Amino acid sequence: ASQIITINATVAASLVDGTLIVTPIRVTATDMEDTINLQHTT
């Protein structure tokens, strides 16, 4: 099975060109022997 999550996030005003928006995502589950840690950069 797959599950999709969608988020429409508002970007703050007056950010300087070249700024990086780095979003950490963490996924866990029962009895999972590790944590999934990913990042997305815009």
Full PDB file with SEQRES, HELIX, SHEET, SSBOND, CRYST1, ORIGX, SCALE, CONECT and MASTER records, all heavy atoms in Angstrom:
SEQRES   1 A   42  ALA SER GLN ILE ILE THR ILE ASN ALA THR VAL ALA ALA          
SEQRES   2 A   42  SER LEU VAL ASP GLY THR LEU ILE VAL THR PRO ILE ARG          
SEQRES   3 A   42  VAL THR ALA THR ASP MET GLU ASP THR ILE ASN LEU GLN          
SEQRES   4 A   42  HIS THR THR                                                  
SHEET    1 AA1 2 VAL A  22  VAL A  27  0                                        
SHEET    2 AA1 2 ILE A  36  THR A  41 -1                                        
CRYST1    1.000    1.000    1.000  90.00  90.00  90.00 P 1           1          
ORIGX1      1.000000  0.000000  0.000000        0.00000                         
ORIGX2      0.000000  1.000000  0.000000        0.00000                         
ORIGX3      0.000000  0.000000  1.000000        0.00000                         
SCALE1      1.000000  0.000000  0.000000        0.00000                         
SCALE2      0.000000  1.000000  0.000000        0.00000                         
SCALE3      0.000000  0.000000  1.000000        0.00000                         
ATOM      1  N   ALA A   1       0.827  -1.209   0.000  1.00  0.00           N  
ATOM      2  CA  ALA A   1       0.000   0.000   0.000  1.00  0.00           C  
ATOM      3  C   ALA A   1       0.858   1.254   0.000  1.00  0.00           C  
ATOM      4  O   ALA A   1       1.988   1.269   0.493  1.00  0.00           O  
ATOM      5  CB  ALA A   1      -0.914   0.006   1.218  1.00  0.00           C  
ATOM      6  N   SER A   2       0.290   2.335  -0.551  1.00  0.00           N  
ATOM      7  CA  SER A   2       0.932   3.649  -0.521  1.00  0.00           C  
ATOM      8  C   SER A   2      -0.022   4.661   0.102  1.00  0.00           C  
ATOM      9  O   SER A   2      -1.243   4.542  -0.035  1.00  0.00           O  
ATOM     10  CB  SER A   2       1.311   4.109  -1.929  1.00  0.00           C  
ATOM     11  OG  SER A   2       2.328   3.319  -2.471  1.00  0.00           O  
ATOM     12  N   GLN A   3       0.539   5.620   0.785  1.00  0.00           N  
ATOM     13  CA  GLN A   3      -0.234   6.721   1.370  1.00  0.00           C  
ATOM     14  C   GLN A   3       0.400   8.024   0.918  1.00  0.00           C  
ATOM     15  O   GLN A   3       1.625   8.193   1.001  1.00  0.00           O  
ATOM     16  CB  GLN A   3      -0.223   6.636   2.890  1.00  0.00           C  
ATOM     17  CG  GLN A   3      -0.922   7.781   3.596  1.00  0.00           C  
ATOM     18  CD  GLN A   3      -2.434   7.688   3.464  1.00  0.00           C  
ATOM     19  OE1 GLN A   3      -3.037   6.673   3.783  1.00  0.00           O  
ATOM     20  NE2 GLN A   3      -3.050   8.773   3.005  1.00  0.00           N  
ATOM     21  N   ILE A   4      -0.440   8.954   0.436  1.00  0.00           N  
ATOM     22  CA  ILE A   4       0.057  10.246  -0.056  1.00  0.00           C  
ATOM     23  C   ILE A   4      -0.392  11.357   0.891  1.00  0.00           C  
ATOM     24  O   ILE A   4      -1.567  11.431   1.268  1.00  0.00           O  
ATOM     25  CB  ILE A   4      -0.444  10.520  -1.483  1.00  0.00           C  
ATOM     26  CG1 ILE A   4       0.133   9.482  -2.455  1.00  0.00           C  
ATOM     27  CG2 ILE A   4      -0.057  11.927  -1.938  1.00  0.00           C  
ATOM     28  CD1 ILE A   4      -0.408   9.593  -3.858  1.00  0.00           C  
ATOM     29  N   ILE A   5       0.545  12.216   1.261  1.00  0.00           N  
ATOM     30  CA  ILE A   5       0.276  13.408   2.067  1.00  0.00           C  
ATOM     31  C   ILE A   5       0.587  14.619   1.194  1.00  0.00           C  
ATOM     32  O   ILE A   5       1.657  14.690   0.577  1.00  0.00           O  
ATOM     33  CB  ILE A   5       1.149  13.436   3.329  1.00  0.00           C  
ATOM     34  CG1 ILE A   5       0.847  12.220   4.218  1.00  0.00           C  
ATOM     35  CG2 ILE A   5       0.961  14.734   4.101  1.00  0.00           C  
ATOM     36  CD1 ILE A   5       1.859  12.021   5.333  1.00  0.00           C  
ATOM     37  N   THR A   6      -0.349  15.572   1.129  1.00  0.00           N  
ATOM     38  CA  THR A   6      -0.095  16.806   0.383  1.00  0.00           C  
ATOM     39  C   THR A   6      -0.160  17.999   1.329  1.00  0.00           C  
ATOM     40  O   THR A   6      -0.987  18.037   2.247  1.00  0.00           O  
ATOM     41  CB  THR A   6      -1.101  16.990  -0.762  1.00  0.00           C  
ATOM     42  OG1 THR A   6      -2.430  17.023  -0.226  1.00  0.00           O  
ATOM     43  CG2 THR A   6      -0.986  15.865  -1.771  1.00  0.00           C  
ATOM     44  N   ILE A   7       0.714  18.972   1.092  1.00  0.00           N  
ATOM     45  CA  ILE A   7       0.793  20.182   1.924  1.00  0.00           C  
ATOM     46  C   ILE A   7       0.982  21.368   1.001  1.00  0.00           C  
ATOM     47  O   ILE A   7       1.925  21.389   0.182  1.00  0.00           O  
ATOM     48  CB  ILE A   7       1.988  20.118   2.897  1.00  0.00           C  
ATOM     49  CG1 ILE A   7       1.960  18.828   3.727  1.00  0.00           C  
ATOM     50  CG2 ILE A   7       2.006  21.348   3.814  1.00  0.00           C  
ATOM     51  CD1 ILE A   7       3.294  18.487   4.352  1.00  0.00           C  
ATOM     52  N   ASN A   8       0.098  22.365   1.106  1.00  0.00           N  
ATOM     53  CA  ASN A   8       0.274  23.622   0.391  1.00  0.00           C  
ATOM     54  C   ASN A   8       0.795  24.654   1.387  1.00  0.00           C  
ATOM     55  O   ASN A   8       0.027  25.257   2.128  1.00  0.00           O  
ATOM     56  CB  ASN A   8      -1.045  24.096  -0.216  1.00  0.00           C  
ATOM     57  CG  ASN A   8      -1.368  23.375  -1.500  1.00  0.00           C  
ATOM     58  OD1 ASN A   8      -0.550  22.642  -2.033  1.00  0.00           O  
ATOM     59  ND2 ASN A   8      -2.576  23.567  -2.006  1.00  0.00           N  
ATOM     60  N   ALA A   9       2.105  24.824   1.417  1.00  0.00           N  
ATOM     61  CA  ALA A   9       2.735  25.700   2.398  1.00  0.00           C  
ATOM     62  C   ALA A   9       2.935  27.100   1.832  1.00  0.00           C  
ATOM     63  O   ALA A   9       3.307  27.258   0.660  1.00  0.00           O  
ATOM     64  CB  ALA A   9       4.078  25.121   2.830  1.00  0.00           C  
ATOM     65  N   THR A  10       2.691  28.114   2.656  1.00  0.00           N  
ATOM     66  CA  THR A  10       2.912  29.507   2.270  1.00  0.00           C  
ATOM     67  C   THR A  10       4.341  29.902   2.580  1.00  0.00           C  
ATOM     68  O   THR A  10       4.820  29.713   3.708  1.00  0.00           O  
ATOM     69  CB  THR A  10       1.951  30.444   3.006  1.00  0.00           C  
ATOM     70  OG1 THR A  10       0.602  30.077   2.683  1.00  0.00           O  
ATOM     71  CG2 THR A  10       2.181  31.890   2.608  1.00  0.00           C  
ATOM     72  N   VAL A  11       5.011  30.454   1.589  1.00  0.00           N  
ATOM     73  CA  VAL A  11       6.403  30.898   1.758  1.00  0.00           C  
ATOM     74  C   VAL A  11       6.400  32.291   2.378  1.00  0.00           C  
ATOM     75  O   VAL A  11       5.607  33.164   1.988  1.00  0.00           O  
ATOM     76  CB  VAL A  11       7.128  30.902   0.403  1.00  0.00           C  
ATOM     77  CG1 VAL A  11       8.580  31.333   0.569  1.00  0.00           C  
ATOM     78  CG2 VAL A  11       7.039  29.531  -0.255  1.00  0.00           C  
ATOM     79  N   ALA A  12       7.255  32.514   3.346  1.00  0.00           N  
ATOM     80  CA  ALA A  12       7.343  33.817   3.995  1.00  0.00           C  
ATOM     81  C   ALA A  12       7.682  34.913   2.988  1.00  0.00           C  
ATOM     82  O   ALA A  12       8.272  34.653   1.932  1.00  0.00           O  
ATOM     83  CB  ALA A  12       8.391  33.781   5.109  1.00  0.00           C  
ATOM     84  N   ALA A  13       7.304  36.130   3.328  1.00  0.00           N  
ATOM     85  CA  ALA A  13       7.567  37.272   2.449  1.00  0.00           C  
ATOM     86  C   ALA A  13       9.003  37.765   2.620  1.00  0.00           C  
ATOM     87  O   ALA A  13       9.657  37.515   3.637  1.00  0.00           O  
ATOM     88  CB  ALA A  13       6.591  38.392   2.758  1.00  0.00           C  
ATOM     89  N   SER A  14       9.494  38.461   1.605  1.00  0.00           N  
ATOM     90  CA  SER A  14      10.755  39.217   1.667  1.00  0.00           C  
ATOM     91  C   SER A  14      11.976  38.349   1.902  1.00  0.00           C  
ATOM     92  O   SER A  14      12.958  38.799   2.515  1.00  0.00           O  
ATOM     93  CB  SER A  14      10.676  40.302   2.762  1.00  0.00           C  
ATOM     94  OG  SER A  14       9.568  41.146   2.528  1.00  0.00           O  
ATOM     95  N   LEU A  15      11.950  37.110   1.439  1.00  0.00           N  
ATOM     96  CA  LEU A  15      13.146  36.271   1.527  1.00  0.00           C  
ATOM     97  C   LEU A  15      14.113  36.642   0.409  1.00  0.00           C  
ATOM     98  O   LEU A  15      13.714  36.951  -0.712  1.00  0.00           O  
ATOM     99  CB  LEU A  15      12.780  34.796   1.433  1.00  0.00           C  
ATOM    100  CG  LEU A  15      11.923  34.231   2.576  1.00  0.00           C  
ATOM    101  CD1 LEU A  15      11.551  32.783   2.291  1.00  0.00           C  
ATOM    102  CD2 LEU A  15      12.652  34.347   3.912  1.00  0.00           C  
ATOM    103  N   VAL A  16      15.383  36.601   0.709  1.00  0.00           N  
ATOM    104  CA  VAL A  16      16.420  36.985  -0.244  1.00  0.00           C  
ATOM    105  C   VAL A  16      16.615  35.871  -1.274  1.00  0.00           C  
ATOM    106  O   VAL A  16      16.589  34.679  -0.935  1.00  0.00           O  
ATOM    107  CB  VAL A  16      17.738  37.250   0.509  1.00  0.00           C  
ATOM    108  CG1 VAL A  16      18.875  37.552  -0.461  1.00  0.00           C  
ATOM    109  CG2 VAL A  16      17.560  38.384   1.499  1.00  0.00           C  
ATOM    110  N   ASP A  17      16.811  36.257  -2.532  1.00  0.00           N  
ATOM    111  CA  ASP A  17      17.132  35.275  -3.564  1.00  0.00           C  
ATOM    112  C   ASP A  17      18.353  34.454  -3.142  1.00  0.00           C  
ATOM    113  O   ASP A  17      19.327  34.982  -2.591  1.00  0.00           O  
ATOM    114  CB  ASP A  17      17.446  35.971  -4.892  1.00  0.00           C  
ATOM    115  CG  ASP A  17      16.188  36.475  -5.588  1.00  0.00           C  
ATOM    116  OD1 ASP A  17      15.085  36.233  -5.065  1.00  0.00           O  
ATOM    117  OD2 ASP A  17      16.326  37.102  -6.656  1.00  0.00           O  
ATOM    118  N   GLY A  18      18.300  33.156  -3.430  1.00  0.00           N  
ATOM    119  CA  GLY A  18      19.387  32.256  -3.052  1.00  0.00           C  
ATOM    120  C   GLY A  18      19.184  31.576  -1.723  1.00  0.00           C  
ATOM    121  O   GLY A  18      19.925  30.650  -1.380  1.00  0.00           O  
ATOM    122  N   THR A  19      18.162  32.007  -0.949  1.00  0.00           N  
ATOM    123  CA  THR A  19      17.847  31.353   0.325  1.00  0.00           C  
ATOM    124  C   THR A  19      17.409  29.920   0.076  1.00  0.00           C  
ATOM    125  O   THR A  19      16.667  29.628  -0.861  1.00  0.00           O  
ATOM    126  CB  THR A  19      16.725  32.117   1.057  1.00  0.00           C  
ATOM    127  OG1 THR A  19      17.177  33.448   1.332  1.00  0.00           O  
ATOM    128  CG2 THR A  19      16.337  31.429   2.359  1.00  0.00           C  
ATOM    129  N   LEU A  20      17.851  28.999   0.922  1.00  0.00           N  
ATOM    130  CA  LEU A  20      17.481  27.594   0.812  1.00  0.00           C  
ATOM    131  C   LEU A  20      16.414  27.260   1.853  1.00  0.00           C  
ATOM    132  O   LEU A  20      16.573  27.568   3.033  1.00  0.00           O  
ATOM    133  CB  LEU A  20      18.703  26.696   1.028  1.00  0.00           C  
ATOM    134  CG  LEU A  20      19.895  26.906   0.087  1.00  0.00           C  
ATOM    135  CD1 LEU A  20      21.016  25.937   0.436  1.00  0.00           C  
ATOM    136  CD2 LEU A  20      19.487  26.753  -1.374  1.00  0.00           C  
ATOM    137  N   ILE A  21      15.329  26.642   1.414  1.00  0.00           N  
ATOM    138  CA  ILE A  21      14.287  26.152   2.311  1.00  0.00           C  
ATOM    139  C   ILE A  21      14.523  24.656   2.489  1.00  0.00           C  
ATOM    140  O   ILE A  21      14.299  23.863   1.562  1.00  0.00           O  
ATOM    141  CB  ILE A  21      12.877  26.406   1.750  1.00  0.00           C  
ATOM    142  CG1 ILE A  21      12.669  27.902   1.503  1.00  0.00           C  
ATOM    143  CG2 ILE A  21      11.816  25.857   2.689  1.00  0.00           C  
ATOM    144  CD1 ILE A  21      11.333  28.217   0.843  1.00  0.00           C  
ATOM    145  N   VAL A  22      15.001  24.268   3.663  1.00  0.00           N  
ATOM    146  CA  VAL A  22      15.373  22.877   3.927  1.00  0.00           C  
ATOM    147  C   VAL A  22      14.337  22.259   4.861  1.00  0.00           C  
ATOM    148  O   VAL A  22      14.155  22.729   5.988  1.00  0.00           O  
ATOM    149  CB  VAL A  22      16.781  22.778   4.537  1.00  0.00           C  
ATOM    150  CG1 VAL A  22      17.157  21.319   4.757  1.00  0.00           C  
ATOM    151  CG2 VAL A  22      17.803  23.466   3.642  1.00  0.00           C  
ATOM    152  N   THR A  23      13.661  21.209   4.396  1.00  0.00           N  
ATOM    153  CA  THR A  23      12.566  20.593   5.140  1.00  0.00           C  
ATOM    154  C   THR A  23      12.929  19.168   5.546  1.00  0.00           C  
ATOM    155  O   THR A  23      13.053  18.286   4.690  1.00  0.00           O  
ATOM    156  CB  THR A  23      11.289  20.553   4.283  1.00  0.00           C  
ATOM    157  OG1 THR A  23      10.981  21.881   3.827  1.00  0.00           O  
ATOM    158  CG2 THR A  23      10.118  20.019   5.080  1.00  0.00           C  
ATOM    159  N   PRO A  24      13.100  18.907   6.845  1.00  0.00           N  
ATOM    160  CA  PRO A  24      13.372  17.540   7.314  1.00  0.00           C  
ATOM    161  C   PRO A  24      12.085  16.728   7.436  1.00  0.00           C  
ATOM    162  O   PRO A  24      11.075  17.209   7.953  1.00  0.00           O  
ATOM    163  CB  PRO A  24      14.001  17.757   8.701  1.00  0.00           C  
ATOM    164  CG  PRO A  24      14.285  19.237   8.807  1.00  0.00           C  
ATOM    165  CD  PRO A  24      13.282  19.899   7.918  1.00  0.00           C  
ATOM    166  N   ILE A  25      12.121  15.491   6.941  1.00  0.00           N  
ATOM    167  CA  ILE A  25      11.009  14.539   7.007  1.00  0.00           C  
ATOM    168  C   ILE A  25      11.498  13.305   7.771  1.00  0.00           C  
ATOM    169  O   ILE A  25      12.573  12.778   7.486  1.00  0.00           O  
ATOM    170  CB  ILE A  25      10.540  14.110   5.607  1.00  0.00           C  
ATOM    171  CG1 ILE A  25      10.219  15.318   4.722  1.00  0.00           C  
ATOM    172  CG2 ILE A  25       9.352  13.151   5.704  1.00  0.00           C  
ATOM    173  CD1 ILE A  25       8.985  16.065   5.105  1.00  0.00           C  
ATOM    174  N   ARG A  26      10.654  12.835   8.714  1.00  0.00           N  
ATOM    175  CA  ARG A  26      11.025  11.693   9.551  1.00  0.00           C  
ATOM    176  C   ARG A  26       9.873  10.687   9.514  1.00  0.00           C  
ATOM    177  O   ARG A  26       8.717  11.058   9.703  1.00  0.00           O  
ATOM    178  CB  ARG A  26      11.278  12.179  10.976  1.00  0.00           C  
ATOM    179  CG  ARG A  26      11.649  11.121  12.004  1.00  0.00           C  
ATOM    180  CD  ARG A  26      11.761  11.789  13.373  1.00  0.00           C  
ATOM    181  NE  ARG A  26      12.063  10.860  14.429  1.00  0.00           N  
ATOM    182  CZ  ARG A  26      13.277  10.622  14.903  1.00  0.00           C  
ATOM    183  NH1 ARG A  26      14.310  11.263  14.386  1.00  0.00           N  
ATOM    184  NH2 ARG A  26      13.477   9.760  15.890  1.00  0.00           N  
ATOM    185  N   VAL A  27      10.177   9.408   9.277  1.00  0.00           N  
ATOM    186  CA  VAL A  27       9.154   8.369   9.203  1.00  0.00           C  
ATOM    187  C   VAL A  27       9.531   7.236  10.147  1.00  0.00           C  
ATOM    188  O   VAL A  27      10.676   6.749  10.137  1.00  0.00           O  
ATOM    189  CB  VAL A  27       8.990   7.832   7.766  1.00  0.00           C  
ATOM    190  CG1 VAL A  27       7.913   6.758   7.712  1.00  0.00           C  
ATOM    191  CG2 VAL A  27       8.648   8.977   6.807  1.00  0.00           C  
ATOM    192  N   THR A  28       8.568   6.799  10.968  1.00  0.00           N  
ATOM    193  CA  THR A  28       8.779   5.688  11.883  1.00  0.00           C  
ATOM    194  C   THR A  28       7.613   4.704  11.770  1.00  0.00           C  
ATOM    195  O   THR A  28       6.560   5.034  11.225  1.00  0.00           O  
ATOM    196  CB  THR A  28       8.882   6.175  13.344  1.00  0.00           C  
ATOM    197  OG1 THR A  28       7.703   6.922  13.663  1.00  0.00           O  
ATOM    198  CG2 THR A  28      10.103   7.066  13.539  1.00  0.00           C  
ATOM    199  N   ALA A  29       7.796   3.494  12.305  1.00  0.00           N  
ATOM    200  CA  ALA A  29       6.734   2.481  12.341  1.00  0.00           C  
ATOM    201  C   ALA A  29       7.033   1.525  13.480  1.00  0.00           C  
ATOM    202  O   ALA A  29       8.184   1.429  13.953  1.00  0.00           O  
ATOM    203  CB  ALA A  29       6.646   1.732  11.019  1.00  0.00           C  
ATOM    204  N   THR A  30       6.021   0.806  13.922  1.00  0.00           N  
ATOM    205  CA  THR A  30       6.183  -0.156  15.006  1.00  0.00           C  
ATOM    206  C   THR A  30       7.194  -1.233  14.597  1.00  0.00           C  
ATOM    207  O   THR A  30       7.123  -1.783  13.487  1.00  0.00           O  
ATOM    208  CB  THR A  30       4.831  -0.813  15.335  1.00  0.00           C  
ATOM    209  OG1 THR A  30       3.903   0.212  15.685  1.00  0.00           O  
ATOM    210  CG2 THR A  30       4.964  -1.797  16.491  1.00  0.00           C  
ATOM    211  N   ASP A  31       8.125  -1.506  15.518  1.00  0.00           N  
ATOM    212  CA  ASP A  31       9.152  -2.543  15.331  1.00  0.00           C  
ATOM    213  C   ASP A  31      10.125  -2.248  14.196  1.00  0.00           C  
ATOM    214  O   ASP A  31      10.877  -3.136  13.780  1.00  0.00           O  
ATOM    215  CB  ASP A  31       8.506  -3.924  15.090  1.00  0.00           C  
ATOM    216  CG  ASP A  31       7.703  -4.410  16.284  1.00  0.00           C  
ATOM    217  OD1 ASP A  31       8.089  -4.080  17.423  1.00  0.00           O  
ATOM    218  OD2 ASP A  31       6.683  -5.094  16.079  1.00  0.00           O  
ATOM    219  N   MET A  32      10.137  -1.020  13.699  1.00  0.00           N  
ATOM    220  CA  MET A  32      11.110  -0.667  12.664  1.00  0.00           C  
ATOM    221  C   MET A  32      12.478  -0.495  13.311  1.00  0.00           C  
ATOM    222  O   MET A  32      12.614   0.191  14.324  1.00  0.00           O  
ATOM    223  CB  MET A  32      10.686   0.606  11.936  1.00  0.00           C  
ATOM    224  CG  MET A  32      11.486   0.852  10.673  1.00  0.00           C  
ATOM    225  SD  MET A  32      10.678   1.986   9.520  1.00  0.00           S  
ATOM    226  CE  MET A  32      10.984   3.568  10.282  1.00  0.00           C  
ATOM    227  N   GLU A  33      13.491  -1.129  12.724  1.00  0.00           N  
ATOM    228  CA  GLU A  33      14.814  -1.181  13.343  1.00  0.00           C  
ATOM    229  C   GLU A  33      15.654   0.049  13.049  1.00  0.00           C  
ATOM    230  O   GLU A  33      16.816   0.106  13.439  1.00  0.00           O  
ATOM    231  CB  GLU A  33      15.545  -2.447  12.881  1.00  0.00           C  
ATOM    232  CG  GLU A  33      16.021  -2.434  11.436  1.00  0.00           C  
ATOM    233  CD  GLU A  33      14.904  -2.638  10.418  1.00  0.00           C  
ATOM    234  OE1 GLU A  33      13.752  -2.905  10.814  1.00  0.00           O  
ATOM    235  OE2 GLU A  33      15.192  -2.519   9.209  1.00  0.00           O  
ATOM    236  N   ASP A  34      15.075   1.030  12.418  1.00  0.00           N  
ATOM    237  CA  ASP A  34      15.800   2.263  12.122  1.00  0.00           C  
ATOM    238  C   ASP A  34      14.786   3.370  11.915  1.00  0.00           C  
ATOM    239  O   ASP A  34      13.588   3.122  11.801  1.00  0.00           O  
ATOM    240  CB  ASP A  34      16.653   2.090  10.858  1.00  0.00           C  
ATOM    241  CG  ASP A  34      17.901   2.949  10.863  1.00  0.00           C  
ATOM    242  OD1 ASP A  34      17.853   4.027  11.483  1.00  0.00           O  
ATOM    243  OD2 ASP A  34      18.900   2.553  10.269  1.00  0.00           O  
ATOM    244  N   THR A  35      15.265   4.590  11.878  1.00  0.00           N  
ATOM    245  CA  THR A  35      14.432   5.749  11.591  1.00  0.00           C  
ATOM    246  C   THR A  35      14.756   6.243  10.195  1.00  0.00           C  
ATOM    247  O   THR A  35      15.927   6.302   9.819  1.00  0.00           O  
ATOM    248  CB  THR A  35      14.706   6.875  12.611  1.00  0.00           C  
ATOM    249  OG1 THR A  35      14.616   6.349  13.929  1.00  0.00           O  
ATOM    250  CG2 THR A  35      13.733   8.006  12.445  1.00  0.00           C  
ATOM    251  N   ILE A  36      13.737   6.587   9.436  1.00  0.00           N  
ATOM    252  CA  ILE A  36      13.965   7.168   8.110  1.00  0.00           C  
ATOM    253  C   ILE A  36      14.043   8.684   8.267  1.00  0.00           C  
ATOM    254  O   ILE A  36      13.101   9.322   8.742  1.00  0.00           O  
ATOM    255  CB  ILE A  36      12.835   6.786   7.137  1.00  0.00           C  
ATOM    256  CG1 ILE A  36      12.801   5.271   6.921  1.00  0.00           C  
ATOM    257  CG2 ILE A  36      12.997   7.516   5.804  1.00  0.00           C  
ATOM    258  CD1 ILE A  36      11.616   4.791   6.110  1.00  0.00           C  
ATOM    259  N   ASN A  37      15.182   9.268   7.911  1.00  0.00           N  
ATOM    260  CA  ASN A  37      15.385  10.718   7.985  1.00  0.00           C  
ATOM    261  C   ASN A  37      15.819  11.230   6.618  1.00  0.00           C  
ATOM    262  O   ASN A  37      16.881  10.837   6.113  1.00  0.00           O  
ATOM    263  CB  ASN A  37      16.455  11.061   9.024  1.00  0.00           C  
ATOM    264  CG  ASN A  37      15.971  10.891  10.431  1.00  0.00           C  
ATOM    265  OD1 ASN A  37      15.237  11.716  10.946  1.00  0.00           O  
ATOM    266  ND2 ASN A  37      16.357   9.793  11.065  1.00  0.00           N  
ATOM    267  N   LEU A  38      14.997  12.089   6.034  1.00  0.00           N  
ATOM    268  CA  LEU A  38      15.292  12.664   4.722  1.00  0.00           C  
ATOM    269  C   LEU A  38      15.125  14.178   4.787  1.00  0.00           C  
ATOM    270  O   LEU A  38      14.474  14.700   5.699  1.00  0.00           O  
ATOM    271  CB  LEU A  38      14.362  12.078   3.659  1.00  0.00           C  
ATOM    272  CG  LEU A  38      14.497  10.576   3.389  1.00  0.00           C  
ATOM    273  CD1 LEU A  38      13.358  10.086   2.518  1.00  0.00           C  
ATOM    274  CD2 LEU A  38      15.842  10.253   2.742  1.00  0.00           C  
ATOM    275  N   GLN A  39      15.711  14.873   3.833  1.00  0.00           N  
ATOM    276  CA  GLN A  39      15.535  16.327   3.730  1.00  0.00           C  
ATOM    277  C   GLN A  39      15.246  16.699   2.286  1.00  0.00           C  
ATOM    278  O   GLN A  39      15.773  16.066   1.357  1.00  0.00           O  
ATOM    279  CB  GLN A  39      16.779  17.069   4.218  1.00  0.00           C  
ATOM    280  CG  GLN A  39      16.994  16.960   5.705  1.00  0.00           C  
ATOM    281  CD  GLN A  39      18.071  17.891   6.218  1.00  0.00           C  
ATOM    282  OE1 GLN A  39      18.060  18.247   7.380  1.00  0.00           O  
ATOM    283  NE2 GLN A  39      19.012  18.295   5.398  1.00  0.00           N  
ATOM    284  N   HIS A  40      14.417  17.732   2.114  1.00  0.00           N  
ATOM    285  CA  HIS A  40      14.137  18.267   0.777  1.00  0.00           C  
ATOM    286  C   HIS A  40      14.496  19.746   0.776  1.00  0.00           C  
ATOM    287  O   HIS A  40      14.156  20.485   1.697  1.00  0.00           O  
ATOM    288  CB  HIS A  40      12.664  18.092   0.419  1.00  0.00           C  
ATOM    289  CG  HIS A  40      12.372  18.463  -1.000  1.00  0.00           C  
ATOM    290  ND1 HIS A  40      12.210  19.768  -1.405  1.00  0.00           N  
ATOM    291  CD2 HIS A  40      12.225  17.685  -2.116  1.00  0.00           C  
ATOM    292  CE1 HIS A  40      11.972  19.797  -2.697  1.00  0.00           C  
ATOM    293  NE2 HIS A  40      11.973  18.565  -3.152  1.00  0.00           N  
ATOM    294  N   THR A  41      15.201  20.167  -0.259  1.00  0.00           N  
ATOM    295  CA  THR A  41      15.664  21.546  -0.353  1.00  0.00           C  
ATOM    296  C   THR A  41      15.055  22.247  -1.564  1.00  0.00           C  
ATOM    297  O   THR A  41      15.049  21.708  -2.676  1.00  0.00           O  
ATOM    298  CB  THR A  41      17.199  21.613  -0.456  1.00  0.00           C  
ATOM    299  OG1 THR A  41      17.767  20.978   0.687  1.00  0.00           O  
ATOM    300  CG2 THR A  41      17.690  23.047  -0.544  1.00  0.00           C  
ATOM    301  N   THR A  42      14.513  23.457  -1.346  1.00  0.00           N  
ATOM    302  CA  THR A  42      13.980  24.318  -2.404  1.00  0.00           C  
ATOM    303  C   THR A  42      14.648  25.686  -2.276  1.00  0.00           C  
ATOM    304  O   THR A  42      14.889  26.163  -1.162  1.00  0.00           O  
ATOM    305  CB  THR A  42      12.458  24.467  -2.274  1.00  0.00           C  
ATOM    306  OG1 THR A  42      11.853  23.175  -2.322  1.00  0.00           O  
ATOM    307  CG2 THR A  42      11.902  25.338  -3.399  1.00  0.00           C  
TER     308      THR A  42                                                      
MASTER        0    0    0    0    2    0    0    6  307    1    0    4          
END                                                                             
